[in-house]
Amino acid sequence: MLPEELAGRIREECGDVLLLDPARAWAILTDSGRLLDVCRNLKNIGFIRALNMTANHLGGRDFHLYLTLRHGERHDASLTLKWKFTLLDEAIAGEPGEESAPAYAGQSVHPSLSLIWRATELMEREIFEFFGIPFAGNQNLVGLILDPQLQGFPLRRDFRAASHENYAEKLLEERADRAVRGVMHDPQF
């Protein structure tokens, strides 16, 4: 639950681009082009801790992104911000030979929130690895968890595990083989 005085400040600072539900501590951003401004305003209001950032693939190129924030002084106050993002191909964002627009204007990449909340850097890396959403401004978009040989983005709706038949079995066999070879060549044994 969001205290009423904080809800009032959020409405005052962020204007009409947020649909705010203080009882559920939800805020839905209606204009994703104003995301960075809204996030800066929320940090100025006191939401200085980014707890979690995740995505949901809606199908096609559409995603919902969620960011959960905690207030620095009011530990009972948290807020989950939700917005829609459409990932466009680079080719759609601009014609060849034309001067390209800023990356977020064409929505071929998502703006990084790591300049506002440092903790979101790792969360953005995870979202990139599992959903394939690139974040402009995140200097370290490399995988954290998945095997680099895995092709595709496993949390997208269009990802097919059948194309990676026996992937887990093969990976476990490789790791077991390496472990056995390591033991066999260990001078202690």
Protein backbone atom coordinates (compact mmCIF):
# COMPACT_ATOMS: atom_id res chain seq x y z
CA MET A 1 0.00 0.00 0.00
CA LEU A 2 1.23 3.45 -0.90
CA PRO A 3 0.76 6.20 1.73
CA GLU A 4 -1.57 8.96 0.53
CA GLU A 5 1.02 11.76 0.89
CA LEU A 6 3.43 9.86 -1.40
CA ALA A 7 0.63 9.12 -3.87
CA GLY A 8 -0.14 12.86 -3.95
CA ARG A 9 3.50 13.75 -4.65
CA ILE A 10 3.70 11.13 -7.40
CA ARG A 11 0.56 12.53 -9.07
CA GLU A 12 1.96 16.04 -8.73
CA GLU A 13 5.44 15.24 -10.12
CA CYS A 14 4.55 12.74 -12.84
CA GLY A 15 1.34 14.29 -14.09
CA ASP A 16 -1.19 12.41 -16.12
CA VAL A 17 1.17 9.84 -17.64
CA LEU A 18 0.70 7.50 -14.67
CA LEU A 19 -2.41 5.56 -13.78
CA LEU A 20 -1.79 5.22 -10.06
CA ASP A 21 -3.47 2.71 -7.74
CA PRO A 22 -2.17 3.47 -4.21
CA ALA A 23 -4.07 0.55 -2.62
CA ARG A 24 -2.12 -1.96 -4.71
CA ALA A 25 1.06 0.15 -5.05
CA TRP A 26 0.85 -0.06 -8.86
CA ALA A 27 1.56 2.61 -11.43
CA ILE A 28 0.99 2.07 -15.13
CA LEU A 29 2.94 4.36 -17.44
CA THR A 30 0.75 5.39 -20.37
CA ASP A 31 3.46 7.16 -22.39
CA SER A 32 6.63 5.04 -22.48
CA GLY A 33 8.48 7.90 -24.19
CA ARG A 34 8.45 9.68 -20.82
CA LEU A 35 9.92 6.71 -18.93
CA LEU A 36 13.23 8.35 -18.01
CA ASP A 37 11.53 11.54 -16.80
CA VAL A 38 9.08 9.58 -14.66
CA CYS A 39 11.89 7.45 -13.21
CA ARG A 40 13.96 10.52 -12.33
CA ASN A 41 10.90 12.08 -10.66
CA LEU A 42 10.26 8.91 -8.67
CA LYS A 43 13.87 8.89 -7.47
CA ASN A 44 13.58 12.57 -6.47
CA ILE A 45 10.42 11.74 -4.50
CA GLY A 46 12.45 9.19 -2.53
CA PHE A 47 12.20 5.87 -4.37
CA ILE A 48 15.94 5.29 -4.25
CA ARG A 49 16.04 1.48 -4.21
CA ALA A 50 15.34 -0.63 -7.29
CA LEU A 51 14.36 -4.07 -6.02
CA ASN A 52 13.39 -5.94 -9.15
CA MET A 53 13.02 -5.43 -12.87
CA THR A 54 11.47 -8.02 -15.15
CA ALA A 55 9.62 -8.41 -18.41
CA ASN A 56 6.73 -10.34 -19.88
CA HIS A 57 6.61 -11.21 -23.57
CA LEU A 58 3.12 -10.54 -24.89
CA GLY A 59 3.82 -12.12 -28.26
CA GLY A 60 5.29 -10.70 -31.42
CA ARG A 61 7.39 -7.66 -30.58
CA ASP A 62 5.40 -6.45 -27.59
CA PHE A 63 6.58 -6.66 -23.99
CA HIS A 64 5.47 -5.40 -20.62
CA LEU A 65 8.29 -4.34 -18.31
CA TYR A 66 7.96 -4.05 -14.53
CA LEU A 67 10.16 -2.18 -12.09
CA THR A 68 9.63 -2.48 -8.33
CA LEU A 69 10.97 0.39 -6.23
CA ARG A 70 11.26 0.95 -2.48
CA HIS A 71 11.17 4.32 -0.77
CA GLY A 72 14.37 5.22 1.10
CA GLU A 73 12.80 6.67 4.23
CA ARG A 74 9.37 5.05 4.27
CA HIS A 75 10.23 1.36 4.34
CA ASP A 76 6.56 0.47 4.15
CA ALA A 77 6.26 2.24 0.79
CA SER A 78 6.97 0.42 -2.43
CA LEU A 79 5.76 0.93 -5.97
CA THR A 80 5.69 -1.28 -9.05
CA LEU A 81 5.89 0.63 -12.32
CA LYS A 82 4.57 -1.09 -15.45
CA TRP A 83 4.97 0.02 -19.08
CA LYS A 84 4.70 -1.38 -22.58
CA PHE A 85 7.64 -1.65 -24.95
CA THR A 86 7.59 -2.62 -28.62
CA LEU A 87 10.85 -3.94 -30.02
CA LEU A 88 11.32 -2.92 -33.64
CA ASP A 89 13.85 -4.31 -36.10
CA GLU A 90 16.77 -2.03 -36.93
CA ALA A 91 15.61 -2.00 -40.55
CA ILE A 92 12.17 -0.74 -39.58
CA ALA A 93 13.54 2.02 -37.35
CA GLY A 94 15.16 3.87 -40.27
CA GLU A 95 15.67 3.55 -44.01
CA PRO A 96 19.18 2.74 -45.27
CA GLY A 97 21.13 5.85 -46.11
CA GLU A 98 19.05 8.08 -43.84
CA GLU A 99 20.54 9.64 -40.75
CA SER A 100 19.36 7.47 -37.89
CA ALA A 101 17.15 8.82 -35.13
CA PRO A 102 18.06 8.36 -31.46
CA ALA A 103 17.86 4.67 -30.58
CA TYR A 104 14.85 4.97 -28.26
CA ALA A 105 12.85 7.12 -30.68
CA GLY A 106 12.56 4.14 -33.04
CA GLN A 107 12.25 1.79 -30.07
CA SER A 108 14.83 -0.58 -31.52
CA VAL A 109 16.43 -0.54 -28.05
CA HIS A 110 15.16 0.31 -24.59
CA PRO A 111 16.77 3.10 -22.55
CA SER A 112 18.87 1.86 -19.66
CA LEU A 113 17.73 2.79 -16.17
CA SER A 114 21.17 2.00 -14.75
CA LEU A 115 22.12 5.69 -14.75
CA ILE A 116 19.22 6.34 -12.38
CA TRP A 117 19.40 3.15 -10.27
CA ARG A 118 22.74 1.33 -10.47
CA ALA A 119 21.15 -1.95 -9.36
CA THR A 120 19.15 -2.20 -12.58
CA GLU A 121 22.32 -2.89 -14.59
CA LEU A 122 22.33 -6.60 -13.71
CA MET A 123 18.56 -6.81 -14.07
CA GLU A 124 18.80 -5.38 -17.59
CA ARG A 125 21.48 -7.92 -18.45
CA GLU A 126 19.19 -10.71 -17.33
CA ILE A 127 16.25 -9.31 -19.34
CA PHE A 128 18.51 -9.01 -22.39
CA GLU A 129 19.67 -12.60 -22.00
CA PHE A 130 16.21 -14.12 -21.54
CA PHE A 131 14.02 -11.80 -23.66
CA GLY A 132 16.45 -10.19 -26.14
CA ILE A 133 15.60 -6.57 -25.26
CA PRO A 134 18.73 -4.46 -25.74
CA PHE A 135 19.23 -1.52 -23.36
CA ALA A 136 20.85 1.64 -24.73
CA GLY A 137 23.35 2.94 -22.21
CA ASN A 138 24.06 -0.35 -20.46
CA GLN A 139 27.74 -0.88 -21.25
CA ASN A 140 27.86 -4.53 -20.22
CA LEU A 141 25.08 -6.44 -22.01
CA VAL A 142 26.57 -9.92 -21.82
CA GLY A 143 24.99 -13.12 -20.59
CA LEU A 144 24.91 -14.01 -16.92
CA ILE A 145 23.30 -17.42 -16.69
CA LEU A 146 22.73 -19.21 -19.98
CA ASP A 147 25.23 -21.22 -21.96
CA PRO A 148 26.60 -19.01 -24.76
CA GLN A 149 25.89 -21.80 -27.25
CA LEU A 150 22.13 -21.54 -26.67
CA GLN A 151 20.49 -19.73 -29.56
CA GLY A 152 17.40 -17.61 -28.96
CA PHE A 153 15.70 -16.11 -25.95
CA PRO A 154 14.09 -18.77 -23.74
CA LEU A 155 11.43 -16.61 -22.05
CA ARG A 156 9.89 -15.38 -25.28
CA ARG A 157 6.66 -17.00 -26.32
CA ASP A 158 8.06 -17.90 -29.73
CA PHE A 159 11.03 -19.83 -28.31
CA ARG A 160 10.76 -23.52 -29.10
CA ALA A 161 12.59 -25.98 -26.87
CA ALA A 162 12.20 -28.65 -29.57
CA SER A 163 14.80 -26.82 -31.65
CA HIS A 164 17.24 -27.53 -28.83
CA GLU A 165 16.46 -31.22 -28.54
CA ASN A 166 18.47 -32.98 -25.83
CA TYR A 167 20.21 -29.70 -25.02
CA ALA A 168 20.20 -30.31 -21.25
CA GLU A 169 21.37 -33.91 -21.61
CA LYS A 170 24.25 -32.94 -23.91
CA LEU A 171 25.31 -30.11 -21.62
CA LEU A 172 25.31 -32.40 -18.57
CA GLU A 173 27.30 -35.04 -20.45
CA GLU A 174 29.92 -32.45 -21.49
CA ARG A 175 30.25 -31.19 -17.94
CA ALA A 176 30.50 -34.72 -16.55
CA ASP A 177 33.14 -35.62 -19.15
CA ARG A 178 35.20 -32.57 -18.21
CA ALA A 179 34.88 -33.40 -14.51
CA VAL A 180 35.94 -37.01 -15.08
CA ARG A 181 38.90 -35.92 -17.24
CA GLY A 182 39.92 -33.46 -14.54
CA VAL A 183 39.88 -36.19 -11.89
CA MET A 184 41.77 -38.65 -14.10
CA HIS A 185 44.56 -36.15 -14.70
CA ASP A 186 44.72 -34.97 -11.11
CA PRO A 187 48.08 -36.07 -9.57
CA GLN A 188 46.38 -36.78 -6.23
CA PHE A 189 44.57 -39.81 -7.66
